[in-house]
Amino acid sequence: VDGEPVIGVGQAMTPRAAMDLARALLKRAAHGGFLPDTVLYMGGDVIVWWVPPGRRHIVFRVEEEHAEALGGIERGETVPHPGLVMAVSSKVWRVWAVKGTARPTPATAIYQAPYFNVDVGGNICRGNVPVPEGTTVEKIAAWNDAFLGSYFTHPNGMGRLVRYRGGAYAFWREMLDGRFRRFPERVLVDVETTLGGLLGLQEGAS
């Protein structure tokens, strides 16, 4: 009015509008930009993404008492890996495995990640691993590198990492020896839930 901005008459905000606004502001605060197909879920500072199966380098460094079982105290090779689902927030860093090459959905079955340093709940032991700051889409590659580029030192916690005769050390020794051209998904341990179950979503959700 007369060249000056004036606040007009307001309207009461509906509960739905308030929720939509809060959701939009929350996403804007935590994330920005285009979303790659690998991103599966975002909420607050939580981001969940898929790492497709493929060949990647992995390094083990174990105690001397386990050197014979692994074939050496320190070993590193490029080996096939299963598809992974990784979740990061300000409080958690978790990883699970999935079968197949298709992008996971809420109905996708989840399996124990077959790696040392990961417990049965998917929690990753950070140890002395330097981790990225922040949980934005732009940091996904850095989080992947922090996990797969770390030293895998020991099975973490109770429960089986893999269904394999001789256990986890024997399995990874044969992986490092090049026995498998593709990751043998039959060794994965079912944790009897789905991606939607982990996230508290209904299976029909998108």
Protein backbone atom coordinates (compact mmCIF):
# COMPACT_ATOMS: atom_id res chain seq x y z
CA VAL A 1 0.00 0.00 0.00
CA ASP A 2 1.52 3.32 -1.10
CA GLY A 3 4.71 1.47 -1.98
CA GLU A 4 5.01 -0.37 1.35
CA PRO A 5 4.37 -4.07 2.07
CA VAL A 6 1.37 -4.71 4.31
CA ILE A 7 0.39 -7.98 5.98
CA GLY A 8 -3.07 -8.97 4.82
CA VAL A 9 -5.90 -10.55 6.75
CA GLY A 10 -4.86 -13.99 8.02
CA GLN A 11 -6.68 -17.29 7.80
CA ALA A 12 -6.65 -20.02 10.40
CA MET A 13 -4.16 -22.78 9.50
CA THR A 14 -5.71 -26.22 9.29
CA PRO A 15 -3.99 -29.16 11.04
CA ARG A 16 -3.13 -30.65 7.65
CA ALA A 17 -1.57 -27.41 6.44
CA ALA A 18 0.47 -27.18 9.64
CA MET A 19 1.76 -30.73 9.15
CA ASP A 20 2.61 -30.07 5.49
CA LEU A 21 4.50 -26.92 6.43
CA ALA A 22 6.43 -28.64 9.24
CA ARG A 23 7.35 -31.52 6.95
CA ALA A 24 8.53 -29.19 4.19
CA LEU A 25 10.62 -27.09 6.57
CA LEU A 26 12.16 -30.18 8.17
CA LYS A 27 13.21 -31.59 4.81
CA ARG A 28 14.57 -28.23 3.69
CA ALA A 29 16.66 -27.97 6.85
CA ALA A 30 18.19 -31.42 6.52
CA HIS A 31 18.37 -32.05 2.78
CA GLY A 32 18.44 -30.24 -0.51
CA GLY A 33 18.80 -30.85 -4.22
CA PHE A 34 17.81 -33.72 -6.46
CA LEU A 35 17.45 -37.17 -4.91
CA PRO A 36 19.31 -40.09 -6.51
CA ASP A 37 17.46 -43.37 -7.06
CA THR A 38 19.51 -44.97 -4.29
CA VAL A 39 17.83 -42.87 -1.58
CA LEU A 40 15.09 -44.95 0.04
CA TYR A 41 13.85 -42.84 2.93
CA MET A 42 14.40 -39.46 4.59
CA GLY A 43 12.94 -38.05 7.77
CA GLY A 44 14.49 -35.41 10.01
CA ASP A 45 18.23 -36.08 10.04
CA VAL A 46 17.72 -39.76 9.13
CA ILE A 47 18.65 -40.86 5.63
CA VAL A 48 18.43 -44.43 4.34
CA TRP A 49 19.93 -45.51 1.03
CA TRP A 50 20.73 -48.54 -1.09
CA VAL A 51 24.20 -49.59 -2.18
CA PRO A 52 23.74 -51.86 -5.24
CA PRO A 53 25.66 -55.15 -5.31
CA GLY A 54 29.07 -55.04 -6.96
CA ARG A 55 32.77 -55.65 -6.65
CA ARG A 56 34.55 -53.44 -4.12
CA HIS A 57 37.80 -53.49 -2.21
CA ILE A 58 37.76 -54.68 1.41
CA VAL A 59 40.54 -54.92 3.99
CA PHE A 60 40.78 -57.11 7.09
CA ARG A 61 43.16 -56.69 10.01
CA VAL A 62 42.70 -59.35 12.68
CA GLU A 63 44.39 -60.51 15.87
CA GLU A 64 47.24 -62.98 15.45
CA GLU A 65 45.16 -65.77 16.97
CA HIS A 66 42.76 -65.50 14.00
CA ALA A 67 45.41 -65.05 11.30
CA GLU A 68 45.38 -68.70 10.25
CA ALA A 69 41.57 -68.75 9.98
CA LEU A 70 41.61 -65.69 7.69
CA GLY A 71 44.82 -66.53 5.85
CA GLY A 72 46.87 -63.68 7.31
CA ILE A 73 46.82 -60.89 9.88
CA GLU A 74 46.08 -58.28 7.24
CA ARG A 75 44.47 -59.03 3.89
CA GLY A 76 42.77 -56.90 1.28
CA GLU A 77 41.18 -57.79 -2.06
CA THR A 78 38.48 -56.64 -4.45
CA VAL A 79 35.56 -59.02 -3.93
CA PRO A 80 31.83 -59.20 -4.75
CA HIS A 81 29.49 -57.63 -2.21
CA PRO A 82 25.72 -58.00 -1.74
CA GLY A 83 23.30 -55.13 -2.03
CA LEU A 84 23.31 -53.07 1.15
CA VAL A 85 20.87 -50.78 2.94
CA MET A 86 22.60 -48.14 5.05
CA ALA A 87 20.97 -45.82 7.57
CA VAL A 88 22.62 -42.80 9.15
CA SER A 89 21.47 -40.13 11.59
CA SER A 90 23.03 -38.04 14.31
CA LYS A 91 22.65 -41.06 16.62
CA VAL A 92 22.95 -44.22 14.52
CA TRP A 93 25.02 -45.79 11.76
CA ARG A 94 23.59 -49.10 10.60
CA VAL A 95 23.82 -51.45 7.66
CA TRP A 96 21.91 -54.51 6.43
CA ALA A 97 22.07 -56.71 3.35
CA VAL A 98 19.43 -57.35 0.68
CA LYS A 99 19.23 -59.91 -2.10
CA GLY A 100 19.00 -59.22 -5.80
CA THR A 101 19.78 -56.22 -7.97
CA ALA A 102 16.44 -54.41 -7.80
CA ARG A 103 15.99 -51.22 -5.80
CA PRO A 104 14.55 -52.20 -2.39
CA THR A 105 10.93 -51.44 -1.49
CA PRO A 106 9.20 -51.49 1.91
CA ALA A 107 8.37 -55.19 1.24
CA THR A 108 12.02 -56.17 0.60
CA ALA A 109 13.38 -58.77 3.03
CA ILE A 110 16.33 -57.62 5.14
CA TYR A 111 19.37 -59.74 6.04
CA GLN A 112 22.26 -59.47 8.46
CA ALA A 113 25.15 -57.56 6.90
CA PRO A 114 27.86 -60.27 6.57
CA TYR A 115 30.70 -58.04 7.76
CA PHE A 116 32.95 -57.92 10.77
CA ASN A 117 32.37 -54.85 13.00
CA VAL A 118 28.56 -55.08 12.54
CA ASP A 119 26.28 -56.50 15.24
CA VAL A 120 22.98 -58.36 14.82
CA GLY A 121 21.07 -55.07 15.01
CA GLY A 122 22.99 -53.66 12.06
CA ASN A 123 24.97 -51.26 14.26
CA ILE A 124 28.43 -50.48 12.92
CA CYS A 125 31.30 -50.33 15.41
CA ARG A 126 33.00 -47.04 14.60
CA GLY A 127 36.24 -47.69 16.44
CA ASN A 128 38.78 -45.17 15.15
CA VAL A 129 37.10 -44.77 11.75
CA PRO A 130 36.77 -41.09 10.78
CA VAL A 131 33.16 -40.52 9.75
CA PRO A 132 31.64 -37.73 7.67
CA GLU A 133 29.82 -34.81 9.25
CA GLY A 134 26.18 -34.51 8.30
CA THR A 135 23.54 -36.79 6.81
CA THR A 136 22.72 -35.09 3.53
CA VAL A 137 22.47 -36.76 0.15
CA GLU A 138 25.80 -35.26 -0.82
CA LYS A 139 27.50 -37.24 1.98
CA ILE A 140 26.28 -40.69 0.89
CA ALA A 141 29.47 -41.55 -1.02
CA ALA A 142 31.57 -40.44 1.95
CA TRP A 143 29.58 -42.67 4.34
CA ASN A 144 29.96 -45.61 1.93
CA ASP A 145 33.70 -45.03 1.80
CA ALA A 146 33.91 -44.72 5.58
CA PHE A 147 32.35 -48.16 5.98
CA LEU A 148 33.87 -50.14 3.12
CA GLY A 149 37.21 -48.37 3.40
CA SER A 150 37.71 -49.19 7.08
CA TYR A 151 39.59 -52.16 8.55
CA PHE A 152 37.30 -55.08 9.38
CA THR A 153 38.75 -56.51 12.55
CA HIS A 154 36.39 -58.92 14.33
CA PRO A 155 32.85 -60.32 14.46
CA ASN A 156 30.84 -57.98 16.66
CA GLY A 157 28.43 -59.38 19.26
CA MET A 158 26.43 -62.58 19.41
CA GLY A 159 24.73 -64.30 16.48
CA ARG A 160 25.89 -65.56 13.11
CA LEU A 161 27.20 -63.25 10.44
CA VAL A 162 26.81 -65.84 7.70
CA ARG A 163 25.39 -69.32 7.13
CA TYR A 164 28.65 -70.96 6.15
CA ARG A 165 30.57 -74.04 7.24
CA GLY A 166 33.48 -72.85 9.32
CA GLY A 167 31.84 -69.51 10.13
CA ALA A 168 32.66 -65.93 9.22
CA TYR A 169 36.46 -66.28 9.15
CA ALA A 170 36.30 -69.25 6.77
CA PHE A 171 33.80 -67.47 4.55
CA TRP A 172 35.83 -64.29 4.21
CA ARG A 173 39.06 -66.26 3.71
CA GLU A 174 37.49 -67.97 0.70
CA MET A 175 36.06 -64.68 -0.54
CA LEU A 176 39.53 -63.13 -0.39
CA ASP A 177 40.96 -66.22 -2.10
CA GLY A 178 38.62 -65.54 -5.04
CA ARG A 179 36.38 -68.58 -4.73
CA PHE A 180 33.19 -66.67 -5.63
CA ARG A 181 32.68 -64.63 -8.80
CA ARG A 182 29.40 -63.25 -7.41
CA PHE A 183 28.39 -62.81 -3.82
CA PRO A 184 26.74 -66.08 -2.67
CA GLU A 185 23.44 -64.74 -1.33
CA ARG A 186 22.59 -68.13 0.16
CA VAL A 187 24.96 -67.38 3.05
CA LEU A 188 22.98 -64.33 4.21
CA VAL A 189 21.23 -64.65 7.59
CA ASP A 190 17.55 -63.63 7.53
CA VAL A 191 16.65 -61.19 10.32
CA GLU A 192 12.96 -61.89 9.69
CA THR A 193 11.82 -58.39 8.87
CA THR A 194 11.40 -56.13 5.85
CA LEU A 195 12.70 -52.69 5.04
CA GLY A 196 9.27 -51.30 5.87
CA GLY A 197 9.36 -53.14 9.18
CA LEU A 198 12.70 -51.58 10.06
CA LEU A 199 11.38 -48.12 9.27
CA GLY A 200 8.00 -48.63 10.95
CA LEU A 201 6.20 -48.34 7.62
CA GLN A 202 3.32 -50.31 6.21
CA GLU A 203 4.38 -52.59 3.38
CA GLY A 204 2.27 -50.68 0.89
CA ALA A 205 3.96 -47.36 1.65
CA SER A 206 6.21 -45.73 -0.90
